[in-house]
């Protein structure tokens, strides 16, 4: 589906809709992409989007088909949770000067 120059591929599983932006856009802004994605989901499913998670390339929206669509309501956007790794170098008896490097991350 295309909305204001953004092209999306939608996949639905129950009350979750995955929406993938499939076109190139220079410096896309998440607020604009989310608004367009919300419109695409609501137009396709007929259900309001209650919240979004994701980034400018891939968003997952939750829909509530028991609610009526209200034009002035906007879905709540939840930024992605960042997961950080902590890594330490693990010494190796076989390490060479050429740079065998082993890391242990958790």
C-alpha atoms as a PDB file:
ATOM      1  CA  UNK A   1       0.000   0.000   0.000  1.00  0.00           C
ATOM      2  CA  UNK A   2       1.238   3.502  -0.750  1.00  0.00           C
ATOM      3  CA  UNK A   3       0.569   6.489   1.523  1.00  0.00           C
ATOM      4  CA  UNK A   4       1.899   9.945   0.652  1.00  0.00           C
ATOM      5  CA  UNK A   5       5.011   8.596  -1.085  1.00  0.00           C
ATOM      6  CA  UNK A   6       5.769   5.804   1.395  1.00  0.00           C
ATOM      7  CA  UNK A   7       5.230   2.212   0.274  1.00  0.00           C
ATOM      8  CA  UNK A   8       4.339  -0.425   2.854  1.00  0.00           C
ATOM      9  CA  UNK A   9       3.936  -4.179   3.027  1.00  0.00           C
ATOM     10  CA  UNK A  10       1.492  -5.261   5.755  1.00  0.00           C
ATOM     11  CA  UNK A  11       1.223  -8.604   7.549  1.00  0.00           C
ATOM     12  CA  UNK A  12      -1.476  -9.312  10.107  1.00  0.00           C
ATOM     13  CA  UNK A  13      -1.631 -11.963  12.813  1.00  0.00           C
ATOM     14  CA  UNK A  14      -4.606 -11.454  15.127  1.00  0.00           C
ATOM     15  CA  UNK A  15      -4.344  -8.040  16.760  1.00  0.00           C
ATOM     16  CA  UNK A  16      -0.737  -7.477  15.654  1.00  0.00           C
ATOM     17  CA  UNK A  17       0.147  -5.908  12.323  1.00  0.00           C
ATOM     18  CA  UNK A  18       3.708  -5.811  11.033  1.00  0.00           C
ATOM     19  CA  UNK A  19       4.272  -3.009   8.564  1.00  0.00           C
ATOM     20  CA  UNK A  20       7.452  -2.833   6.521  1.00  0.00           C
ATOM     21  CA  UNK A  21       8.439   0.262   4.570  1.00  0.00           C
ATOM     22  CA  UNK A  22       9.679  -1.059   1.233  1.00  0.00           C
ATOM     23  CA  UNK A  23      10.806   2.125  -0.518  1.00  0.00           C
ATOM     24  CA  UNK A  24      13.837   4.373  -0.105  1.00  0.00           C
ATOM     25  CA  UNK A  25      13.359   7.710   1.619  1.00  0.00           C
ATOM     26  CA  UNK A  26      16.176  10.114   2.396  1.00  0.00           C
ATOM     27  CA  UNK A  27      16.298  10.798   6.135  1.00  0.00           C
ATOM     28  CA  UNK A  28      12.854   9.476   7.085  1.00  0.00           C
ATOM     29  CA  UNK A  29      11.350  10.857  10.293  1.00  0.00           C
ATOM     30  CA  UNK A  30       9.772   8.249  12.584  1.00  0.00           C
ATOM     31  CA  UNK A  31       6.790  10.456  13.479  1.00  0.00           C
ATOM     32  CA  UNK A  32       5.877  10.894   9.810  1.00  0.00           C
ATOM     33  CA  UNK A  33       6.429   7.229   8.950  1.00  0.00           C
ATOM     34  CA  UNK A  34       4.363   6.096  11.965  1.00  0.00           C
ATOM     35  CA  UNK A  35       1.494   8.409  10.986  1.00  0.00           C
ATOM     36  CA  UNK A  36       1.509   7.051   7.430  1.00  0.00           C
ATOM     37  CA  UNK A  37       1.787   3.462   8.698  1.00  0.00           C
ATOM     38  CA  UNK A  38      -1.127   4.016  11.075  1.00  0.00           C
ATOM     39  CA  UNK A  39      -3.253   5.273   8.189  1.00  0.00           C
ATOM     40  CA  UNK A  40      -2.263   2.254   6.054  1.00  0.00           C
ATOM     41  CA  UNK A  41      -3.161  -0.206   8.814  1.00  0.00           C
ATOM     42  CA  UNK A  42      -6.475   1.434   9.647  1.00  0.00           C
ATOM     43  CA  UNK A  43      -7.437   1.671   5.971  1.00  0.00           C
ATOM     44  CA  UNK A  44      -6.530  -1.972   5.340  1.00  0.00           C
ATOM     45  CA  UNK A  45      -7.969  -3.553   8.501  1.00  0.00           C
ATOM     46  CA  UNK A  46     -10.767  -1.119   9.402  1.00  0.00           C
ATOM     47  CA  UNK A  47      -9.513  -1.250  13.005  1.00  0.00           C
ATOM     48  CA  UNK A  48      -7.846   1.512  15.039  1.00  0.00           C
ATOM     49  CA  UNK A  49      -4.176   1.206  15.952  1.00  0.00           C
ATOM     50  CA  UNK A  50      -3.660   1.535  19.703  1.00  0.00           C
ATOM     51  CA  UNK A  51       0.147   1.511  19.831  1.00  0.00           C
ATOM     52  CA  UNK A  52       3.286   1.185  17.723  1.00  0.00           C
ATOM     53  CA  UNK A  53       6.798  -0.104  18.313  1.00  0.00           C
ATOM     54  CA  UNK A  54       9.681  -0.077  15.904  1.00  0.00           C
ATOM     55  CA  UNK A  55      11.701   2.157  13.653  1.00  0.00           C
ATOM     56  CA  UNK A  56      11.445   3.820  10.227  1.00  0.00           C
ATOM     57  CA  UNK A  57      11.872   0.507   8.375  1.00  0.00           C
ATOM     58  CA  UNK A  58       9.740  -1.890  10.436  1.00  0.00           C
ATOM     59  CA  UNK A  59       6.855  -1.119  12.773  1.00  0.00           C
ATOM     60  CA  UNK A  60       4.581  -3.448  14.720  1.00  0.00           C
ATOM     61  CA  UNK A  61       1.166  -2.048  15.516  1.00  0.00           C
ATOM     62  CA  UNK A  62      -1.454  -3.344  17.911  1.00  0.00           C
ATOM     63  CA  UNK A  63      -5.017  -2.971  16.676  1.00  0.00           C
ATOM     64  CA  UNK A  64      -8.315  -3.105  18.567  1.00  0.00           C
ATOM     65  CA  UNK A  65     -11.169  -4.144  16.277  1.00  0.00           C
ATOM     66  CA  UNK A  66     -13.659  -3.777  19.152  1.00  0.00           C
ATOM     67  CA  UNK A  67     -13.177   0.005  19.058  1.00  0.00           C
ATOM     68  CA  UNK A  68     -14.575   2.341  16.447  1.00  0.00           C
ATOM     69  CA  UNK A  69     -12.217   4.333  14.276  1.00  0.00           C
ATOM     70  CA  UNK A  70     -11.961   7.936  15.453  1.00  0.00           C
ATOM     71  CA  UNK A  71     -10.152  10.286  13.075  1.00  0.00           C
ATOM     72  CA  UNK A  72      -8.680  12.463  15.831  1.00  0.00           C
ATOM     73  CA  UNK A  73      -7.145   9.551  17.816  1.00  0.00           C
ATOM     74  CA  UNK A  74      -3.482   8.785  17.220  1.00  0.00           C
ATOM     75  CA  UNK A  75      -1.725   5.579  18.255  1.00  0.00           C
ATOM     76  CA  UNK A  76       0.811   5.759  21.077  1.00  0.00           C
ATOM     77  CA  UNK A  77       4.374   5.230  19.831  1.00  0.00           C
ATOM     78  CA  UNK A  78       6.737   3.271  22.053  1.00  0.00           C
ATOM     79  CA  UNK A  79      10.389   3.611  21.024  1.00  0.00           C
ATOM     80  CA  UNK A  80      12.304   0.347  20.638  1.00  0.00           C
ATOM     81  CA  UNK A  81      14.017  -0.975  23.724  1.00  0.00           C
ATOM     82  CA  UNK A  82      17.747  -1.014  23.230  1.00  0.00           C
ATOM     83  CA  UNK A  83      19.637  -4.067  24.362  1.00  0.00           C
ATOM     84  CA  UNK A  84      23.263  -3.527  25.179  1.00  0.00           C
ATOM     85  CA  UNK A  85      25.954  -6.149  25.238  1.00  0.00           C
ATOM     86  CA  UNK A  86      28.854  -6.134  27.629  1.00  0.00           C
ATOM     87  CA  UNK A  87      31.919  -7.824  26.184  1.00  0.00           C
ATOM     88  CA  UNK A  88      35.308  -8.764  27.568  1.00  0.00           C
ATOM     89  CA  UNK A  89      38.338 -10.107  25.772  1.00  0.00           C
ATOM     90  CA  UNK A  90      39.020 -13.742  26.518  1.00  0.00           C
ATOM     91  CA  UNK A  91      42.699 -14.643  26.431  1.00  0.00           C
ATOM     92  CA  UNK A  92      43.656 -17.537  24.264  1.00  0.00           C
ATOM     93  CA  UNK A  93      46.743 -19.742  24.540  1.00  0.00           C
ATOM     94  CA  UNK A  94      46.700 -19.997  20.716  1.00  0.00           C
ATOM     95  CA  UNK A  95      46.521 -16.250  20.079  1.00  0.00           C
ATOM     96  CA  UNK A  96      49.007 -15.016  17.521  1.00  0.00           C
ATOM     97  CA  UNK A  97      50.441 -11.622  16.837  1.00  0.00           C
ATOM     98  CA  UNK A  98      48.290 -11.578  13.708  1.00  0.00           C
ATOM     99  CA  UNK A  99      45.283 -11.012  15.941  1.00  0.00           C
ATOM    100  CA  UNK A 100      43.257 -14.016  17.012  1.00  0.00           C
ATOM    101  CA  UNK A 101      40.710 -12.302  19.215  1.00  0.00           C
ATOM    102  CA  UNK A 102      38.087 -13.990  21.324  1.00  0.00           C
ATOM    103  CA  UNK A 103      35.309 -12.046  23.010  1.00  0.00           C
ATOM    104  CA  UNK A 104      32.734 -13.175  25.546  1.00  0.00           C
ATOM    105  CA  UNK A 105      29.554 -11.122  25.567  1.00  0.00           C
ATOM    106  CA  UNK A 106      26.487 -11.185  27.786  1.00  0.00           C
END
